């Protein structure tokens, strides 16, 4: 808010030339959020899941779980096909 002085002058807030500071701050926030997401998604959560899976060996016996290429338990399988390989090839 501007304040009027007795001389009629107005105190204006200090600004940076061409608003360069605002975009730099936005870029810093975006970079920080991206870094936090990558750290959480690719470091913290996989380590947590490995610890959880190690404490629950029964997960190894569940046929409805997929496994990633590095042998971590992955997503559940929504469809299970029951039958011989010949029967499955026939219906496919």
C-alpha atoms as a PDB file:
ATOM      1  CA  UNK A   1       0.000   0.000   0.000  1.00  0.00           C
ATOM      2  CA  UNK A   2       1.292   3.452  -0.882  1.00  0.00           C
ATOM      3  CA  UNK A   3       1.760   6.060   1.817  1.00  0.00           C
ATOM      4  CA  UNK A   4       1.504   9.751   1.181  1.00  0.00           C
ATOM      5  CA  UNK A   5       4.048  12.074   2.705  1.00  0.00           C
ATOM      6  CA  UNK A   6       3.301  15.645   3.630  1.00  0.00           C
ATOM      7  CA  UNK A   7       5.340  16.823   0.654  1.00  0.00           C
ATOM      8  CA  UNK A   8       3.025  14.913  -1.716  1.00  0.00           C
ATOM      9  CA  UNK A   9       5.562  12.257  -2.621  1.00  0.00           C
ATOM     10  CA  UNK A  10       4.593   8.608  -2.692  1.00  0.00           C
ATOM     11  CA  UNK A  11       6.687   5.758  -1.255  1.00  0.00           C
ATOM     12  CA  UNK A  12       6.666   2.956  -3.830  1.00  0.00           C
ATOM     13  CA  UNK A  13       7.817  -0.580  -3.037  1.00  0.00           C
ATOM     14  CA  UNK A  14      11.227  -1.518  -4.405  1.00  0.00           C
ATOM     15  CA  UNK A  15      10.999  -3.706  -7.502  1.00  0.00           C
ATOM     16  CA  UNK A  16      13.516  -5.578  -9.549  1.00  0.00           C
ATOM     17  CA  UNK A  17      13.953  -4.540 -13.156  1.00  0.00           C
ATOM     18  CA  UNK A  18      11.549  -6.324 -15.552  1.00  0.00           C
ATOM     19  CA  UNK A  19      10.330  -8.747 -12.875  1.00  0.00           C
ATOM     20  CA  UNK A  20      13.358 -11.048 -13.269  1.00  0.00           C
ATOM     21  CA  UNK A  21      13.319 -12.025  -9.611  1.00  0.00           C
ATOM     22  CA  UNK A  22       9.812 -13.465  -9.775  1.00  0.00           C
ATOM     23  CA  UNK A  23      10.622 -15.900 -12.601  1.00  0.00           C
ATOM     24  CA  UNK A  24      13.795 -16.972 -10.886  1.00  0.00           C
ATOM     25  CA  UNK A  25      11.814 -17.732  -7.716  1.00  0.00           C
ATOM     26  CA  UNK A  26       9.241 -19.682  -9.725  1.00  0.00           C
ATOM     27  CA  UNK A  27      12.012 -21.694 -11.382  1.00  0.00           C
ATOM     28  CA  UNK A  28      13.566 -22.462  -7.990  1.00  0.00           C
ATOM     29  CA  UNK A  29      10.230 -23.654  -6.584  1.00  0.00           C
ATOM     30  CA  UNK A  30       9.533 -25.816  -9.654  1.00  0.00           C
ATOM     31  CA  UNK A  31      13.019 -27.330  -9.474  1.00  0.00           C
ATOM     32  CA  UNK A  32      12.624 -28.024  -5.746  1.00  0.00           C
ATOM     33  CA  UNK A  33       9.242 -29.708  -6.231  1.00  0.00           C
ATOM     34  CA  UNK A  34      10.615 -31.806  -9.099  1.00  0.00           C
ATOM     35  CA  UNK A  35      13.662 -32.834  -7.064  1.00  0.00           C
ATOM     36  CA  UNK A  36      11.470 -33.761  -4.087  1.00  0.00           C
ATOM     37  CA  UNK A  37       9.186 -35.859  -6.317  1.00  0.00           C
ATOM     38  CA  UNK A  38      12.100 -37.700  -7.927  1.00  0.00           C
ATOM     39  CA  UNK A  39      13.698 -38.382  -4.552  1.00  0.00           C
ATOM     40  CA  UNK A  40      10.429 -39.679  -3.115  1.00  0.00           C
ATOM     41  CA  UNK A  41       9.381 -41.745  -6.143  1.00  0.00           C
ATOM     42  CA  UNK A  42      12.720 -43.297  -7.040  1.00  0.00           C
ATOM     43  CA  UNK A  43      14.594 -43.542  -3.723  1.00  0.00           C
ATOM     44  CA  UNK A  44      12.405 -43.341  -0.614  1.00  0.00           C
ATOM     45  CA  UNK A  45       9.373 -45.383  -1.702  1.00  0.00           C
ATOM     46  CA  UNK A  46      11.340 -48.235  -3.338  1.00  0.00           C
ATOM     47  CA  UNK A  47      13.499 -48.563  -0.217  1.00  0.00           C
ATOM     48  CA  UNK A  48      10.381 -48.608   1.936  1.00  0.00           C
ATOM     49  CA  UNK A  49       8.738 -51.244  -0.235  1.00  0.00           C
ATOM     50  CA  UNK A  50      11.855 -53.435  -0.137  1.00  0.00           C
ATOM     51  CA  UNK A  51      11.783 -53.302   3.658  1.00  0.00           C
ATOM     52  CA  UNK A  52       8.081 -54.119   3.739  1.00  0.00           C
ATOM     53  CA  UNK A  53       8.469 -57.050   1.338  1.00  0.00           C
ATOM     54  CA  UNK A  54      11.424 -58.404   3.344  1.00  0.00           C
ATOM     55  CA  UNK A  55       9.322 -58.491   6.525  1.00  0.00           C
ATOM     56  CA  UNK A  56       6.462 -60.286   4.757  1.00  0.00           C
ATOM     57  CA  UNK A  57       7.857 -63.349   2.975  1.00  0.00           C
ATOM     58  CA  UNK A  58       4.301 -64.537   2.267  1.00  0.00           C
ATOM     59  CA  UNK A  59       4.245 -62.016  -0.585  1.00  0.00           C
ATOM     60  CA  UNK A  60       6.596 -64.338  -2.475  1.00  0.00           C
ATOM     61  CA  UNK A  61       3.935 -67.048  -2.587  1.00  0.00           C
ATOM     62  CA  UNK A  62       1.096 -64.911  -3.921  1.00  0.00           C
ATOM     63  CA  UNK A  63       0.626 -65.744  -7.604  1.00  0.00           C
ATOM     64  CA  UNK A  64      -1.255 -62.500  -8.243  1.00  0.00           C
ATOM     65  CA  UNK A  65       1.769 -60.216  -7.900  1.00  0.00           C
ATOM     66  CA  UNK A  66       4.052 -59.175 -10.741  1.00  0.00           C
ATOM     67  CA  UNK A  67       7.761 -58.591 -10.251  1.00  0.00           C
ATOM     68  CA  UNK A  68       9.940 -55.844 -11.651  1.00  0.00           C
ATOM     69  CA  UNK A  69      13.140 -56.573 -13.565  1.00  0.00           C
ATOM     70  CA  UNK A  70      15.170 -56.126 -10.376  1.00  0.00           C
ATOM     71  CA  UNK A  71      12.974 -58.648  -8.489  1.00  0.00           C
ATOM     72  CA  UNK A  72      10.860 -56.201  -6.455  1.00  0.00           C
ATOM     73  CA  UNK A  73       7.181 -57.099  -5.962  1.00  0.00           C
ATOM     74  CA  UNK A  74       5.105 -54.931  -8.289  1.00  0.00           C
ATOM     75  CA  UNK A  75       1.474 -54.455  -9.230  1.00  0.00           C
ATOM     76  CA  UNK A  76      -1.249 -57.002  -8.596  1.00  0.00           C
ATOM     77  CA  UNK A  77      -2.457 -59.024 -11.554  1.00  0.00           C
ATOM     78  CA  UNK A  78      -6.133 -58.312 -12.252  1.00  0.00           C
ATOM     79  CA  UNK A  79      -6.796 -61.300 -14.510  1.00  0.00           C
ATOM     80  CA  UNK A  80      -5.712 -64.891 -14.027  1.00  0.00           C
ATOM     81  CA  UNK A  81      -6.042 -67.378 -16.853  1.00  0.00           C
ATOM     82  CA  UNK A  82      -6.591 -70.966 -15.791  1.00  0.00           C
ATOM     83  CA  UNK A  83      -6.060 -73.786 -18.250  1.00  0.00           C
ATOM     84  CA  UNK A  84      -3.433 -75.603 -20.210  1.00  0.00           C
ATOM     85  CA  UNK A  85      -1.119 -73.756 -22.556  1.00  0.00           C
ATOM     86  CA  UNK A  86      -2.961 -75.337 -25.494  1.00  0.00           C
ATOM     87  CA  UNK A  87      -6.335 -74.075 -24.213  1.00  0.00           C
ATOM     88  CA  UNK A  88      -4.945 -70.563 -23.742  1.00  0.00           C
ATOM     89  CA  UNK A  89      -3.430 -70.502 -27.225  1.00  0.00           C
ATOM     90  CA  UNK A  90      -6.747 -71.668 -28.635  1.00  0.00           C
ATOM     91  CA  UNK A  91      -8.763 -68.853 -27.044  1.00  0.00           C
ATOM     92  CA  UNK A  92      -6.196 -66.205 -27.895  1.00  0.00           C
END
